[in-house]
Amino acid sequence: MDFVETNEYERERASNIYLMSLAIVIVGLPFPIINFLATFFMYLSNRTGSYFIRWHSLQALLSQAVVALLNAWGIVWTVSIIFGSESLSNAYIAYLITIAIFNLAELAGTIYAAIQTRKGNHVDFWFFGPLTDLICKN
């Protein structure tokens, strides 16, 4: 997707979208839905922005949605082990390792995207970039 030249305001705003999701991690760590809701509200507040801002808002929202779902299932599974009839298993440990990898990858990607969009560069996440292209129209 080709982007037109962006101005300083657009670059800063797009970068702040990614930075906001990093800041919310500290608050939302025990509750994964908080990160998603914060990103969702940032997306809603930027729907009338430039294409660059809207595109990066949507990409951040899509990536947060997947991570929030993975984390939520991990919390449900953990609670069912602690308070329910589930027992600790290899599948549970493998899932925890998997979501830890996803969370670290999303964290690294978010930091990279915040830095690059601040410089005015377009960042296309591996899965979410093409999906964002399909949804967000110029």
Protein backbone atom coordinates (compact mmCIF):
# COMPACT_ATOMS: atom_id res chain seq x y z
CA MET A 1 0.00 0.00 0.00
CA ASP A 2 1.46 3.35 -1.01
CA PHE A 3 1.20 6.16 1.47
CA VAL A 4 1.50 9.81 0.61
CA GLU A 5 3.98 11.99 2.44
CA THR A 6 2.95 12.49 6.05
CA ASN A 7 3.36 15.55 8.18
CA GLU A 8 4.79 15.74 11.69
CA TYR A 9 1.35 15.70 13.33
CA GLU A 10 0.28 12.51 11.52
CA ARG A 11 3.54 10.72 12.33
CA GLU A 12 3.30 11.65 15.99
CA ARG A 13 -0.35 10.64 16.23
CA ALA A 14 0.22 7.25 14.54
CA SER A 15 3.20 6.60 16.82
CA ASN A 16 1.16 7.51 19.90
CA ILE A 17 -1.42 4.87 19.00
CA TYR A 18 1.22 2.17 19.41
CA LEU A 19 2.73 3.83 22.50
CA MET A 20 -0.67 3.99 24.18
CA SER A 21 -1.05 0.23 23.92
CA LEU A 22 2.37 -0.17 25.58
CA ALA A 23 1.46 2.15 28.46
CA ILE A 24 -1.81 0.32 29.03
CA VAL A 25 0.02 -3.02 29.38
CA ILE A 26 1.07 -2.06 32.90
CA VAL A 27 -2.53 -1.36 33.92
CA GLY A 28 -4.09 -4.15 31.90
CA LEU A 29 -1.66 -6.98 32.57
CA PRO A 30 -4.03 -8.94 34.80
CA PHE A 31 -7.03 -8.06 32.61
CA PRO A 32 -6.28 -8.47 28.90
CA ILE A 33 -9.53 -6.82 27.83
CA ILE A 34 -8.28 -3.45 29.14
CA ASN A 35 -5.52 -3.31 26.50
CA PHE A 36 -8.00 -4.15 23.76
CA LEU A 37 -10.57 -1.59 24.98
CA ALA A 38 -7.95 1.17 25.19
CA THR A 39 -6.81 0.42 21.64
CA PHE A 40 -10.44 0.23 20.49
CA PHE A 41 -11.18 3.70 21.90
CA MET A 42 -8.02 5.05 20.25
CA TYR A 43 -9.24 3.55 16.97
CA LEU A 44 -12.66 5.18 17.40
CA SER A 45 -11.10 8.56 18.17
CA ASN A 46 -8.93 8.37 15.04
CA ARG A 47 -11.56 7.26 12.49
CA THR A 48 -11.69 10.75 10.99
CA GLY A 49 -7.90 11.17 10.82
CA SER A 50 -5.76 10.84 7.74
CA TYR A 51 -5.41 7.51 5.98
CA PHE A 52 -1.99 6.99 7.64
CA ILE A 53 -3.48 7.48 11.11
CA ARG A 54 -6.60 5.38 10.43
CA TRP A 55 -4.55 2.56 8.91
CA HIS A 56 -2.17 2.33 11.87
CA SER A 57 -5.04 2.63 14.36
CA LEU A 58 -6.75 -0.34 12.73
CA GLN A 59 -3.58 -2.42 12.56
CA ALA A 60 -2.94 -1.80 16.28
CA LEU A 61 -6.55 -2.74 17.05
CA LEU A 62 -6.41 -5.99 15.07
CA SER A 63 -3.16 -7.10 16.68
CA GLN A 64 -4.46 -6.25 20.16
CA ALA A 65 -7.68 -8.19 19.49
CA VAL A 66 -5.81 -11.42 18.80
CA VAL A 67 -3.47 -11.02 21.76
CA ALA A 68 -6.43 -10.17 24.05
CA LEU A 69 -8.27 -13.33 22.98
CA LEU A 70 -5.20 -15.51 23.56
CA ASN A 71 -4.57 -13.94 26.97
CA ALA A 72 -8.22 -14.18 28.00
CA TRP A 73 -8.29 -17.89 27.24
CA GLY A 74 -5.08 -18.32 29.23
CA ILE A 75 -6.67 -16.59 32.22
CA VAL A 76 -9.82 -18.72 31.96
CA TRP A 77 -7.73 -21.88 31.77
CA THR A 78 -5.59 -20.79 34.74
CA VAL A 79 -8.65 -20.00 36.87
CA SER A 80 -10.18 -23.38 35.99
CA ILE A 81 -6.98 -25.09 37.14
CA ILE A 82 -6.80 -23.12 40.39
CA PHE A 83 -10.49 -23.18 41.34
CA GLY A 84 -12.00 -25.85 39.12
CA SER A 85 -11.59 -29.46 38.21
CA GLU A 86 -8.87 -28.95 35.58
CA SER A 87 -5.38 -30.15 36.36
CA LEU A 88 -1.98 -28.91 35.29
CA SER A 89 -1.05 -30.49 31.97
CA ASN A 90 1.56 -30.33 29.23
CA ALA A 91 -1.02 -28.69 26.97
CA TYR A 92 -1.55 -25.89 29.50
CA ILE A 93 2.18 -25.28 29.89
CA ALA A 94 2.62 -25.30 26.10
CA TYR A 95 -0.22 -22.78 25.79
CA LEU A 96 1.37 -20.49 28.38
CA ILE A 97 4.67 -20.63 26.50
CA THR A 98 2.87 -19.91 23.24
CA ILE A 99 1.02 -16.88 24.56
CA ALA A 100 4.22 -15.61 26.18
CA ILE A 101 5.89 -15.76 22.76
CA PHE A 102 2.91 -14.02 21.13
CA ASN A 103 2.93 -11.30 23.80
CA LEU A 104 6.68 -10.71 23.43
CA ALA A 105 6.39 -10.61 19.64
CA GLU A 106 3.49 -8.15 19.84
CA LEU A 107 5.41 -6.02 22.35
CA ALA A 108 8.49 -5.93 20.12
CA GLY A 109 6.36 -5.22 17.04
CA THR A 110 4.53 -2.43 18.82
CA ILE A 111 7.76 -0.76 19.94
CA TYR A 112 9.20 -1.07 16.43
CA ALA A 113 5.99 0.30 14.86
CA ALA A 114 5.91 3.25 17.26
CA ILE A 115 9.48 4.19 16.40
CA GLN A 116 9.08 3.73 12.66
CA THR A 117 5.73 5.55 12.34
CA ARG A 118 7.20 8.45 14.31
CA LYS A 119 9.86 8.66 11.59
CA GLY A 120 7.11 8.62 8.96
CA ASN A 121 7.80 5.06 7.80
CA HIS A 122 4.99 2.66 7.10
CA VAL A 123 5.06 -0.54 9.17
CA ASP A 124 3.20 -3.55 7.85
CA PHE A 125 2.81 -6.37 10.39
CA TRP A 126 3.10 -9.85 8.87
CA PHE A 127 -0.53 -10.98 9.24
CA PHE A 128 -2.30 -7.80 10.31
CA GLY A 129 -0.93 -5.52 7.58
CA PRO A 130 -2.63 -7.30 4.66
CA LEU A 131 -5.80 -7.68 6.75
CA THR A 132 -5.73 -3.95 7.50
CA ASP A 133 -5.29 -3.25 3.77
CA LEU A 134 -8.51 -5.18 3.10
CA ILE A 135 -10.51 -3.31 5.73
CA CYS A 136 -9.12 0.25 5.62
CA LYS A 137 -9.78 2.13 2.42
CA ASN A 138 -8.04 5.31 1.33
